[in-house]
Amino acid sequence: MKEMSAYLMLVLGGTENPSADDVTKALASVGIEADADALNNLISELDGKDLGEVLEAGSGLLAKFGSGGGGGGGGGGGAGGDAEEAEEEKEEEVEEAPPAVDMFGGGDGGDY
């Protein structure tokens, strides 16, 4: 996958038909070691082919898989009176500040 990514970046960068050496150098420039077998397989598969046509064919194959189940429909509108009820509950939930207590349990200033 990393080899394919580097290959595509080289094509986007203007190298029409990147070689295995080009891909290896691109990966090495960011500290990644190329898998020679995977790279040679990739180069041989793409040799003499137009990348745009290859991508188009792959896109057509992916379309056959579909996009999955998708999410369910959105929930229906609720009753209109719920918003007022929620506001009333918020007003009732006012928290009181805890009483100030000395950290060591006493306020007399004596020894601990």
PDB file of N, CA and C in Angstrom:
ATOM      1  N   MET A   1       0.821  -1.190   0.000  1.00  0.00           N
ATOM      2  CA  MET A   1       0.000   0.000   0.000  1.00  0.00           C
ATOM      3  C   MET A   1       0.868   1.258   0.000  1.00  0.00           C
ATOM      4  N   LYS A   2       1.956   1.224   0.771  1.00  0.00           N
ATOM      5  CA  LYS A   2       2.828   2.397   0.821  1.00  0.00           C
ATOM      6  C   LYS A   2       3.487   2.624  -0.529  1.00  0.00           C
ATOM      7  N   GLU A   3       3.782   1.538  -1.223  1.00  0.00           N
ATOM      8  CA  GLU A   3       4.398   1.658  -2.547  1.00  0.00           C
ATOM      9  C   GLU A   3       3.427   2.311  -3.528  1.00  0.00           C
ATOM     10  N   MET A   4       2.164   1.878  -3.464  1.00  0.00           N
ATOM     11  CA  MET A   4       1.142   2.446  -4.348  1.00  0.00           C
ATOM     12  C   MET A   4       0.928   3.925  -4.027  1.00  0.00           C
ATOM     13  N   SER A   5       0.911   4.258  -2.749  1.00  0.00           N
ATOM     14  CA  SER A   5       0.739   5.663  -2.350  1.00  0.00           C
ATOM     15  C   SER A   5       1.876   6.526  -2.882  1.00  0.00           C
ATOM     16  N   ALA A   6       3.101   6.046  -2.735  1.00  0.00           N
ATOM     17  CA  ALA A   6       4.249   6.800  -3.238  1.00  0.00           C
ATOM     18  C   ALA A   6       4.197   6.921  -4.754  1.00  0.00           C
ATOM     19  N   TYR A   7       3.801   5.846  -5.426  1.00  0.00           N
ATOM     20  CA  TYR A   7       3.682   5.862  -6.883  1.00  0.00           C
ATOM     21  C   TYR A   7       2.681   6.938  -7.313  1.00  0.00           C
ATOM     22  N   LEU A   8       1.524   6.954  -6.670  1.00  0.00           N
ATOM     23  CA  LEU A   8       0.495   7.941  -7.023  1.00  0.00           C
ATOM     24  C   LEU A   8       0.951   9.367  -6.725  1.00  0.00           C
ATOM     25  N   MET A   9       1.671   9.563  -5.632  1.00  0.00           N
ATOM     26  CA  MET A   9       2.178  10.908  -5.327  1.00  0.00           C
ATOM     27  C   MET A   9       3.203  11.364  -6.364  1.00  0.00           C
ATOM     28  N   LEU A  10       4.025  10.426  -6.823  1.00  0.00           N
ATOM     29  CA  LEU A  10       4.998  10.777  -7.865  1.00  0.00           C
ATOM     30  C   LEU A  10       4.285  11.161  -9.162  1.00  0.00           C
ATOM     31  N   VAL A  11       3.222  10.439  -9.492  1.00  0.00           N
ATOM     32  CA  VAL A  11       2.460  10.784 -10.701  1.00  0.00           C
ATOM     33  C   VAL A  11       1.830  12.159 -10.538  1.00  0.00           C
ATOM     34  N   LEU A  12       1.253  12.420  -9.376  1.00  0.00           N
ATOM     35  CA  LEU A  12       0.664  13.747  -9.125  1.00  0.00           C
ATOM     36  C   LEU A  12       1.722  14.844  -9.169  1.00  0.00           C
ATOM     37  N   GLY A  13       2.949  14.498  -8.805  1.00  0.00           N
ATOM     38  CA  GLY A  13       4.050  15.451  -8.815  1.00  0.00           C
ATOM     39  C   GLY A  13       4.645  15.687 -10.189  1.00  0.00           C
ATOM     40  N   GLY A  14       4.173  14.939 -11.189  1.00  0.00           N
ATOM     41  CA  GLY A  14       4.631  15.193 -12.551  1.00  0.00           C
ATOM     42  C   GLY A  14       5.446  14.080 -13.191  1.00  0.00           C
ATOM     43  N   THR A  15       5.790  13.030 -12.458  1.00  0.00           N
ATOM     44  CA  THR A  15       6.510  11.903 -13.047  1.00  0.00           C
ATOM     45  C   THR A  15       5.480  10.975 -13.674  1.00  0.00           C
ATOM     46  N   GLU A  16       5.464  10.931 -15.008  1.00  0.00           N
ATOM     47  CA  GLU A  16       4.401  10.205 -15.694  1.00  0.00           C
ATOM     48  C   GLU A  16       4.436   8.704 -15.435  1.00  0.00           C
ATOM     49  N   ASN A  17       5.596   8.086 -15.503  1.00  0.00           N
ATOM     50  CA  ASN A  17       5.747   6.649 -15.259  1.00  0.00           C
ATOM     51  C   ASN A  17       6.882   6.416 -14.267  1.00  0.00           C
ATOM     52  N   PRO A  18       6.612   6.521 -12.963  1.00  0.00           N
ATOM     53  CA  PRO A  18       7.673   6.348 -11.970  1.00  0.00           C
ATOM     54  C   PRO A  18       8.268   4.940 -12.027  1.00  0.00           C
ATOM     55  N   SER A  19       9.567   4.873 -11.853  1.00  0.00           N
ATOM     56  CA  SER A  19      10.257   3.582 -11.827  1.00  0.00           C
ATOM     57  C   SER A  19      10.302   3.074 -10.386  1.00  0.00           C
ATOM     58  N   ALA A  20      10.749   1.840 -10.231  1.00  0.00           N
ATOM     59  CA  ALA A  20      10.904   1.279  -8.885  1.00  0.00           C
ATOM     60  C   ALA A  20      11.909   2.099  -8.090  1.00  0.00           C
ATOM     61  N   ASP A  21      12.938   2.575  -8.759  1.00  0.00           N
ATOM     62  CA  ASP A  21      13.956   3.400  -8.098  1.00  0.00           C
ATOM     63  C   ASP A  21      13.358   4.723  -7.627  1.00  0.00           C
ATOM     64  N   ASP A  22      12.484   5.328  -8.455  1.00  0.00           N
ATOM     65  CA  ASP A  22      11.822   6.582  -8.070  1.00  0.00           C
ATOM     66  C   ASP A  22      10.985   6.385  -6.799  1.00  0.00           C
ATOM     67  N   VAL A  23      10.234   5.297  -6.777  1.00  0.00           N
ATOM     68  CA  VAL A  23       9.369   5.021  -5.620  1.00  0.00           C
ATOM     69  C   VAL A  23      10.215   4.743  -4.379  1.00  0.00           C
ATOM     70  N   THR A  24      11.287   3.977  -4.545  1.00  0.00           N
ATOM     71  CA  THR A  24      12.168   3.663  -3.426  1.00  0.00           C
ATOM     72  C   THR A  24      12.785   4.930  -2.846  1.00  0.00           C
ATOM     73  N   LYS A  25      13.233   5.831  -3.715  1.00  0.00           N
ATOM     74  CA  LYS A  25      13.821   7.092  -3.251  1.00  0.00           C
ATOM     75  C   LYS A  25      12.790   7.956  -2.535  1.00  0.00           C
ATOM     76  N   ALA A  26      11.559   7.995  -3.069  1.00  0.00           N
ATOM     77  CA  ALA A  26      10.507   8.797  -2.443  1.00  0.00           C
ATOM     78  C   ALA A  26      10.187   8.278  -1.047  1.00  0.00           C
ATOM     79  N   LEU A  27      10.095   6.977  -0.910  1.00  0.00           N
ATOM     80  CA  LEU A  27       9.817   6.404   0.408  1.00  0.00           C
ATOM     81  C   LEU A  27      10.991   6.607   1.360  1.00  0.00           C
ATOM     82  N   ALA A  28      12.212   6.431   0.855  1.00  0.00           N
ATOM     83  CA  ALA A  28      13.399   6.601   1.689  1.00  0.00           C
ATOM     84  C   ALA A  28      13.535   8.036   2.183  1.00  0.00           C
ATOM     85  N   SER A  29      13.036   8.997   1.412  1.00  0.00           N
ATOM     86  CA  SER A  29      13.149  10.399   1.812  1.00  0.00           C
ATOM     87  C   SER A  29      12.350  10.708   3.079  1.00  0.00           C
ATOM     88  N   VAL A  30      11.386   9.845   3.411  1.00  0.00           N
ATOM     89  CA  VAL A  30      10.606  10.038   4.635  1.00  0.00           C
ATOM     90  C   VAL A  30      10.846   8.906   5.632  1.00  0.00           C
ATOM     91  N   GLY A  31      11.942   8.161   5.404  1.00  0.00           N
ATOM     92  CA  GLY A  31      12.346   7.141   6.364  1.00  0.00           C
ATOM     93  C   GLY A  31      11.595   5.828   6.288  1.00  0.00           C
ATOM     94  N   ILE A  32      11.012   5.519   5.124  1.00  0.00           N
ATOM     95  CA  ILE A  32      10.270   4.271   4.959  1.00  0.00           C
ATOM     96  C   ILE A  32      11.017   3.374   3.984  1.00  0.00           C
ATOM     97  N   GLU A  33      11.134   2.114   4.347  1.00  0.00           N
ATOM     98  CA  GLU A  33      11.805   1.151   3.482  1.00  0.00           C
ATOM     99  C   GLU A  33      10.779   0.479   2.589  1.00  0.00           C
ATOM    100  N   ALA A  34      11.041   0.468   1.299  1.00  0.00           N
ATOM    101  CA  ALA A  34      10.118  -0.141   0.336  1.00  0.00           C
ATOM    102  C   ALA A  34      10.258  -1.658   0.354  1.00  0.00           C
ATOM    103  N   ASP A  35       9.143  -2.350   0.182  1.00  0.00           N
ATOM    104  CA  ASP A  35       9.135  -3.804   0.032  1.00  0.00           C
ATOM    105  C   ASP A  35       9.423  -4.093  -1.440  1.00  0.00           C
ATOM    106  N   ALA A  36      10.588  -4.662  -1.725  1.00  0.00           N
ATOM    107  CA  ALA A  36      11.038  -4.855  -3.109  1.00  0.00           C
ATOM    108  C   ALA A  36      10.073  -5.729  -3.902  1.00  0.00           C
ATOM    109  N   ASP A  37       9.563  -6.800  -3.298  1.00  0.00           N
ATOM    110  CA  ASP A  37       8.651  -7.694  -4.019  1.00  0.00           C
ATOM    111  C   ASP A  37       7.346  -6.984  -4.376  1.00  0.00           C
ATOM    112  N   ALA A  38       6.774  -6.285  -3.397  1.00  0.00           N
ATOM    113  CA  ALA A  38       5.522  -5.566  -3.648  1.00  0.00           C
ATOM    114  C   ALA A  38       5.730  -4.463  -4.682  1.00  0.00           C
ATOM    115  N   LEU A  39       6.860  -3.785  -4.600  1.00  0.00           N
ATOM    116  CA  LEU A  39       7.147  -2.703  -5.537  1.00  0.00           C
ATOM    117  C   LEU A  39       7.332  -3.231  -6.955  1.00  0.00           C
ATOM    118  N   ASN A  40       8.091  -4.311  -7.103  1.00  0.00           N
ATOM    119  CA  ASN A  40       8.288  -4.894  -8.435  1.00  0.00           C
ATOM    120  C   ASN A  40       6.973  -5.402  -9.019  1.00  0.00           C
ATOM    121  N   ASN A  41       6.122  -5.971  -8.175  1.00  0.00           N
ATOM    122  CA  ASN A  41       4.809  -6.434  -8.625  1.00  0.00           C
ATOM    123  C   ASN A  41       3.958  -5.249  -9.095  1.00  0.00           C
ATOM    124  N   LEU A  42       3.982  -4.166  -8.335  1.00  0.00           N
ATOM    125  CA  LEU A  42       3.219  -2.963  -8.697  1.00  0.00           C
ATOM    126  C   LEU A  42       3.696  -2.390 -10.026  1.00  0.00           C
ATOM    127  N   ILE A  43       4.995  -2.253 -10.178  1.00  0.00           N
ATOM    128  CA  ILE A  43       5.553  -1.674 -11.404  1.00  0.00           C
ATOM    129  C   ILE A  43       5.214  -2.555 -12.603  1.00  0.00           C
ATOM    130  N   SER A  44       5.298  -3.876 -12.441  1.00  0.00           N
ATOM    131  CA  SER A  44       4.988  -4.768 -13.565  1.00  0.00           C
ATOM    132  C   SER A  44       3.499  -4.733 -13.907  1.00  0.00           C
ATOM    133  N   GLU A  45       2.636  -4.579 -12.893  1.00  0.00           N
ATOM    134  CA  GLU A  45       1.188  -4.500 -13.141  1.00  0.00           C
ATOM    135  C   GLU A  45       0.810  -3.214 -13.872  1.00  0.00           C
ATOM    136  N   LEU A  46       1.501  -2.129 -13.570  1.00  0.00           N
ATOM    137  CA  LEU A  46       1.157  -0.832 -14.165  1.00  0.00           C
ATOM    138  C   LEU A  46       1.955  -0.517 -15.426  1.00  0.00           C
ATOM    139  N   ASP A  47       2.922  -1.356 -15.764  1.00  0.00           N
ATOM    140  CA  ASP A  47       3.785  -1.103 -16.913  1.00  0.00           C
ATOM    141  C   ASP A  47       2.970  -1.019 -18.205  1.00  0.00           C
ATOM    142  N   GLY A  48       3.084   0.114 -18.887  1.00  0.00           N
ATOM    143  CA  GLY A  48       2.418   0.317 -20.169  1.00  0.00           C
ATOM    144  C   GLY A  48       0.942   0.675 -20.075  1.00  0.00           C
ATOM    145  N   LYS A  49       0.430   0.850 -18.869  1.00  0.00           N
ATOM    146  CA  LYS A  49      -0.991   1.174 -18.700  1.00  0.00           C
ATOM    147  C   LYS A  49      -1.146   2.649 -18.337  1.00  0.00           C
ATOM    148  N   ASP A  50      -2.255   3.222 -18.785  1.00  0.00           N
ATOM    149  CA  ASP A  50      -2.586   4.595 -18.430  1.00  0.00           C
ATOM    150  C   ASP A  50      -3.194   4.578 -17.029  1.00  0.00           C
ATOM    151  N   LEU A  51      -2.600   5.326 -16.109  1.00  0.00           N
ATOM    152  CA  LEU A  51      -3.050   5.315 -14.724  1.00  0.00           C
ATOM    153  C   LEU A  51      -4.503   5.772 -14.593  1.00  0.00           C
ATOM    154  N   GLY A  52      -4.905   6.743 -15.382  1.00  0.00           N
ATOM    155  CA  GLY A  52      -6.294   7.211 -15.345  1.00  0.00           C
ATOM    156  C   GLY A  52      -7.274   6.103 -15.685  1.00  0.00           C
ATOM    157  N   GLU A  53      -6.932   5.287 -16.684  1.00  0.00           N
ATOM    158  CA  GLU A  53      -7.803   4.174 -17.065  1.00  0.00           C
ATOM    159  C   GLU A  53      -7.837   3.105 -15.977  1.00  0.00           C
ATOM    160  N   VAL A  54      -6.689   2.855 -15.357  1.00  0.00           N
ATOM    161  CA  VAL A  54      -6.617   1.864 -14.279  1.00  0.00           C
ATOM    162  C   VAL A  54      -7.495   2.302 -13.103  1.00  0.00           C
ATOM    163  N   LEU A  55      -7.399   3.579 -12.751  1.00  0.00           N
ATOM    164  CA  LEU A  55      -8.203   4.095 -11.639  1.00  0.00           C
ATOM    165  C   LEU A  55      -9.691   4.058 -11.972  1.00  0.00           C
ATOM    166  N   GLU A  56     -10.030   4.374 -13.197  1.00  0.00           N
ATOM    167  CA  GLU A  56     -11.432   4.344 -13.629  1.00  0.00           C
ATOM    168  C   GLU A  56     -11.997   2.923 -13.562  1.00  0.00           C
ATOM    169  N   ALA A  57     -11.200   1.958 -14.017  1.00  0.00           N
ATOM    170  CA  ALA A  57     -11.639   0.560 -13.962  1.00  0.00           C
ATOM    171  C   ALA A  57     -11.810   0.109 -12.512  1.00  0.00           C
ATOM    172  N   GLY A  58     -10.891   0.503 -11.654  1.00  0.00           N
ATOM    173  CA  GLY A  58     -10.993   0.156 -10.235  1.00  0.00           C
ATOM    174  C   GLY A  58     -12.189   0.792  -9.575  1.00  0.00           C
ATOM    175  N   SER A  59     -12.495   2.010  -9.968  1.00  0.00           N
ATOM    176  CA  SER A  59     -13.655   2.705  -9.419  1.00  0.00           C
ATOM    177  C   SER A  59     -14.941   1.977  -9.804  1.00  0.00           C
ATOM    178  N   GLY A  60     -14.982   1.493 -11.045  1.00  0.00           N
ATOM    179  CA  GLY A  60     -16.143   0.741 -11.497  1.00  0.00           C
ATOM    180  C   GLY A  60     -16.314  -0.558 -10.718  1.00  0.00           C
ATOM    181  N   LEU A  61     -15.204  -1.213 -10.391  1.00  0.00           N
ATOM    182  CA  LEU A  61     -15.272  -2.451  -9.606  1.00  0.00           C
ATOM    183  C   LEU A  61     -15.756  -2.179  -8.185  1.00  0.00           C
ATOM    184  N   LEU A  62     -15.302  -1.087  -7.597  1.00  0.00           N
ATOM    185  CA  LEU A  62     -15.728  -0.742  -6.246  1.00  0.00           C
ATOM    186  C   LEU A  62     -17.204  -0.400  -6.184  1.00  0.00           C
ATOM    187  N   ALA A  63     -17.733   0.156  -7.260  1.00  0.00           N
ATOM    188  CA  ALA A  63     -19.145   0.524  -7.290  1.00  0.00           C
ATOM    189  C   ALA A  63     -20.031  -0.703  -7.143  1.00  0.00           C
ATOM    190  N   LYS A  64     -19.542  -1.865  -7.583  1.00  0.00           N
ATOM    191  CA  LYS A  64     -20.323  -3.097  -7.478  1.00  0.00           C
ATOM    192  C   LYS A  64     -20.526  -3.528  -6.028  1.00  0.00           C
ATOM    193  N   PHE A  65     -19.641  -3.111  -5.132  1.00  0.00           N
ATOM    194  CA  PHE A  65     -19.758  -3.494  -3.734  1.00  0.00           C
ATOM    195  C   PHE A  65     -20.857  -2.725  -3.017  1.00  0.00           C
ATOM    196  N   GLY A  66     -21.247  -1.590  -3.522  1.00  0.00           N
ATOM    197  CA  GLY A  66     -22.239  -0.770  -2.848  1.00  0.00           C
ATOM    198  C   GLY A  66     -21.584   0.034  -1.741  1.00  0.00           C
ATOM    199  N   SER A  67     -22.369   0.809  -1.087  1.00  0.00           N
ATOM    200  CA  SER A  67     -21.809   1.678  -0.052  1.00  0.00           C
ATOM    201  C   SER A  67     -22.200   1.238   1.347  1.00  0.00           C
ATOM    202  N   GLY A  68     -22.706   0.056   1.492  1.00  0.00           N
ATOM    203  CA  GLY A  68     -23.050  -0.437   2.824  1.00  0.00           C
ATOM    204  C   GLY A  68     -24.500  -0.157   3.155  1.00  0.00           C
ATOM    205  N   GLY A  69     -24.861  -0.462   4.369  1.00  0.00           N
ATOM    206  CA  GLY A  69     -26.256  -0.355   4.803  1.00  0.00           C
ATOM    207  C   GLY A  69     -26.716   1.063   5.020  1.00  0.00           C
ATOM    208  N   GLY A  70     -25.830   1.934   5.315  1.00  0.00           N
ATOM    209  CA  GLY A  70     -26.241   3.312   5.597  1.00  0.00           C
ATOM    210  C   GLY A  70     -26.970   3.387   6.924  1.00  0.00           C
ATOM    211  N   GLY A  71     -27.192   4.559   7.372  1.00  0.00           N
ATOM    212  CA  GLY A  71     -27.888   4.753   8.641  1.00  0.00           C
ATOM    213  C   GLY A  71     -29.385   4.724   8.443  1.00  0.00           C
ATOM    214  N   GLY A  72     -30.081   4.563   9.509  1.00  0.00           N
ATOM    215  CA  GLY A  72     -31.540   4.605   9.450  1.00  0.00           C
ATOM    216  C   GLY A  72     -32.007   6.028   9.238  1.00  0.00           C
ATOM    217  N   GLY A  73     -33.265   6.166   8.979  1.00  0.00           N
ATOM    218  CA  GLY A  73     -33.835   7.499   8.780  1.00  0.00           C
ATOM    219  C   GLY A  73     -33.805   8.293  10.074  1.00  0.00           C
ATOM    220  N   GLY A  74     -33.913   9.575   9.958  1.00  0.00           N
ATOM    221  CA  GLY A  74     -33.928  10.425  11.142  1.00  0.00           C
ATOM    222  C   GLY A  74     -35.207  10.218  11.930  1.00  0.00           C
ATOM    223  N   GLY A  75     -35.162  10.523  13.186  1.00  0.00           N
ATOM    224  CA  GLY A  75     -36.340  10.372  14.030  1.00  0.00           C
ATOM    225  C   GLY A  75     -37.391  11.399  13.658  1.00  0.00           C
ATOM    226  N   GLY A  76     -38.621  11.059  13.905  1.00  0.00           N
ATOM    227  CA  GLY A  76     -39.720  11.973  13.612  1.00  0.00           C
ATOM    228  C   GLY A  76     -39.732  13.118  14.609  1.00  0.00           C
ATOM    229  N   GLY A  77     -40.466  14.151  14.297  1.00  0.00           N
ATOM    230  CA  GLY A  77     -40.574  15.290  15.201  1.00  0.00           C
ATOM    231  C   GLY A  77     -41.311  14.891  16.461  1.00  0.00           C
ATOM    232  N   GLY A  78     -40.865  15.353  17.588  1.00  0.00           N
ATOM    233  CA  GLY A  78     -41.501  15.024  18.858  1.00  0.00           C
ATOM    234  C   GLY A  78     -42.642  15.972  19.146  1.00  0.00           C
ATOM    235  N   ALA A  79     -43.290  15.746  20.267  1.00  0.00           N
ATOM    236  CA  ALA A  79     -44.376  16.620  20.684  1.00  0.00           C
ATOM    237  C   ALA A  79     -43.812  17.992  21.015  1.00  0.00           C
ATOM    238  N   GLY A  80     -44.575  19.019  20.783  1.00  0.00           N
ATOM    239  CA  GLY A  80     -44.088  20.377  20.953  1.00  0.00           C
ATOM    240  C   GLY A  80     -43.907  20.812  22.390  1.00  0.00           C
ATOM    241  N   GLY A  81     -44.556  20.191  23.375  1.00  0.00           N
ATOM    242  CA  GLY A  81     -44.508  20.652  24.755  1.00  0.00           C
ATOM    243  C   GLY A  81     -43.264  20.228  25.513  1.00  0.00           C
ATOM    244  N   ASP A  82     -42.415  19.390  24.948  1.00  0.00           N
ATOM    245  CA  ASP A  82     -41.249  18.876  25.662  1.00  0.00           C
ATOM    246  C   ASP A  82     -40.231  19.956  25.984  1.00  0.00           C
ATOM    247  N   ALA A  83     -40.085  20.948  25.158  1.00  0.00           N
ATOM    248  CA  ALA A  83     -39.075  21.979  25.369  1.00  0.00           C
ATOM    249  C   ALA A  83     -39.371  22.788  26.628  1.00  0.00           C
ATOM    250  N   GLU A  84     -40.631  23.096  26.858  1.00  0.00           N
ATOM    251  CA  GLU A  84     -40.986  23.865  28.047  1.00  0.00           C
ATOM    252  C   GLU A  84     -40.707  23.061  29.308  1.00  0.00           C
ATOM    253  N   GLU A  85     -40.996  21.776  29.263  1.00  0.00           N
ATOM    254  CA  GLU A  85     -40.757  20.910  30.402  1.00  0.00           C
ATOM    255  C   GLU A  85     -39.272  20.859  30.755  1.00  0.00           C
ATOM    256  N   ALA A  86     -38.426  20.785  29.742  1.00  0.00           N
ATOM    257  CA  ALA A  86     -36.986  20.724  29.953  1.00  0.00           C
ATOM    258  C   ALA A  86     -36.477  22.003  30.602  1.00  0.00           C
ATOM    259  N   GLU A  87     -37.022  23.136  30.203  1.00  0.00           N
ATOM    260  CA  GLU A  87     -36.598  24.401  30.792  1.00  0.00           C
ATOM    261  C   GLU A  87     -36.964  24.462  32.269  1.00  0.00           C
ATOM    262  N   GLU A  88     -38.139  23.961  32.621  1.00  0.00           N
ATOM    263  CA  GLU A  88     -38.549  23.970  34.017  1.00  0.00           C
ATOM    264  C   GLU A  88     -37.612  23.098  34.842  1.00  0.00           C
ATOM    265  N   GLU A  89     -37.209  21.949  34.312  1.00  0.00           N
ATOM    266  CA  GLU A  89     -36.309  21.064  35.034  1.00  0.00           C
ATOM    267  C   GLU A  89     -34.951  21.721  35.251  1.00  0.00           C
ATOM    268  N   LYS A  90     -34.467  22.468  34.269  1.00  0.00           N
ATOM    269  CA  LYS A  90     -33.183  23.142  34.412  1.00  0.00           C
ATOM    270  C   LYS A  90     -33.211  24.136  35.567  1.00  0.00           C
ATOM    271  N   GLU A  91     -34.302  24.840  35.697  1.00  0.00           N
ATOM    272  CA  GLU A  91     -34.414  25.828  36.751  1.00  0.00           C
ATOM    273  C   GLU A  91     -34.386  25.171  38.123  1.00  0.00           C
ATOM    274  N   GLU A  92     -34.940  23.979  38.255  1.00  0.00           N
ATOM    275  CA  GLU A  92     -34.988  23.285  39.525  1.00  0.00           C
ATOM    276  C   GLU A  92     -33.632  22.706  39.923  1.00  0.00           C
ATOM    277  N   GLU A  93     -32.733  22.494  38.971  1.00  0.00           N
ATOM    278  CA  GLU A  93     -31.459  21.847  39.232  1.00  0.00           C
ATOM    279  C   GLU A  93     -30.339  22.825  39.578  1.00  0.00           C
ATOM    280  N   VAL A  94     -30.645  23.880  40.275  1.00  0.00           N
ATOM    281  CA  VAL A  94     -29.628  24.845  40.677  1.00  0.00           C
ATOM    282  C   VAL A  94     -28.827  24.244  41.818  1.00  0.00           C
ATOM    283  N   GLU A  95     -27.514  24.161  41.655  1.00  0.00           N
ATOM    284  CA  GLU A  95     -26.662  23.579  42.684  1.00  0.00           C
ATOM    285  C   GLU A  95     -26.210  24.653  43.658  1.00  0.00           C
ATOM    286  N   GLU A  96     -26.149  24.253  44.921  1.00  0.00           N
ATOM    287  CA  GLU A  96     -25.655  25.171  45.940  1.00  0.00           C
ATOM    288  C   GLU A  96     -24.163  24.941  46.107  1.00  0.00           C
ATOM    289  N   ALA A  97     -23.444  26.005  46.385  1.00  0.00           N
ATOM    290  CA  ALA A  97     -22.013  25.898  46.609  1.00  0.00           C
ATOM    291  C   ALA A  97     -21.773  25.177  47.929  1.00  0.00           C
ATOM    292  N   PRO A  98     -20.795  24.274  47.987  1.00  0.00           N
ATOM    293  CA  PRO A  98     -20.516  23.566  49.245  1.00  0.00           C
ATOM    294  C   PRO A  98     -19.958  24.552  50.271  1.00  0.00           C
ATOM    295  N   PRO A  99     -20.195  24.274  51.533  1.00  0.00           N
ATOM    296  CA  PRO A  99     -19.685  25.190  52.562  1.00  0.00           C
ATOM    297  C   PRO A  99     -18.162  25.175  52.587  1.00  0.00           C
ATOM    298  N   ALA A 100     -17.585  26.318  52.878  1.00  0.00           N
ATOM    299  CA  ALA A 100     -16.127  26.426  52.944  1.00  0.00           C
ATOM    300  C   ALA A 100     -15.648  25.776  54.227  1.00  0.00           C
ATOM    301  N   VAL A 101     -14.723  24.813  54.085  1.00  0.00           N
ATOM    302  CA  VAL A 101     -14.213  24.092  55.245  1.00  0.00           C
ATOM    303  C   VAL A 101     -12.701  24.187  55.210  1.00  0.00           C
ATOM    304  N   ASP A 102     -12.113  24.289  56.380  1.00  0.00           N
ATOM    305  CA  ASP A 102     -10.662  24.298  56.478  1.00  0.00           C
ATOM    306  C   ASP A 102     -10.137  22.963  55.979  1.00  0.00           C
ATOM    307  N   MET A 103      -9.067  22.978  55.251  1.00  0.00           N
ATOM    308  CA  MET A 103      -8.516  21.782  54.647  1.00  0.00           C
ATOM    309  C   MET A 103      -8.150  20.722  55.680  1.00  0.00           C
ATOM    310  N   PHE A 104      -7.769  21.151  56.877  1.00  0.00           N
ATOM    311  CA  PHE A 104      -7.326  20.210  57.898  1.00  0.00           C
ATOM    312  C   PHE A 104      -8.387  19.984  58.957  1.00  0.00           C
ATOM    313  N   GLY A 105      -9.603  20.393  58.718  1.00  0.00           N
ATOM    314  CA  GLY A 105     -10.705  20.059  59.598  1.00  0.00           C
ATOM    315  C   GLY A 105     -10.964  20.988  60.762  1.00  0.00           C
ATOM    316  N   GLY A 106     -10.320  22.034  60.884  1.00  0.00           N
ATOM    317  CA  GLY A 106     -10.603  22.925  62.003  1.00  0.00           C
ATOM    318  C   GLY A 106     -10.343  24.354  61.615  1.00  0.00           C
ATOM    319  N   GLY A 107     -11.010  25.242  62.261  1.00  0.00           N
ATOM    320  CA  GLY A 107     -10.802  26.629  61.975  1.00  0.00           C
ATOM    321  C   GLY A 107     -10.259  27.386  63.175  1.00  0.00           C
ATOM    322  N   ASP A 108      -9.814  26.646  64.198  1.00  0.00           N
ATOM    323  CA  ASP A 108      -9.389  27.283  65.436  1.00  0.00           C
ATOM    324  C   ASP A 108      -7.943  27.754  65.421  1.00  0.00           C
ATOM    325  N   GLY A 109      -7.168  27.368  64.386  1.00  0.00           N
ATOM    326  CA  GLY A 109      -5.797  27.843  64.262  1.00  0.00           C
ATOM    327  C   GLY A 109      -4.813  27.139  65.163  1.00  0.00           C
ATOM    328  N   GLY A 110      -5.230  26.058  65.826  1.00  0.00           N
ATOM    329  CA  GLY A 110      -4.338  25.329  66.729  1.00  0.00           C
ATOM    330  C   GLY A 110      -3.417  24.392  65.974  1.00  0.00           C
ATOM    331  N   ASP A 111      -2.649  23.656  66.772  1.00  0.00           N
ATOM    332  CA  ASP A 111      -1.733  22.676  66.183  1.00  0.00           C
ATOM    333  C   ASP A 111      -2.522  21.522  65.574  1.00  0.00           C
ATOM    334  N   TYR A 112      -1.910  20.861  64.648  1.00  0.00           N
ATOM    335  CA  TYR A 112      -2.583  19.775  63.959  1.00  0.00           C
ATOM    336  C   TYR A 112      -2.263  18.510  64.615  1.00  0.00           C
TER     337      TYR A 112
END
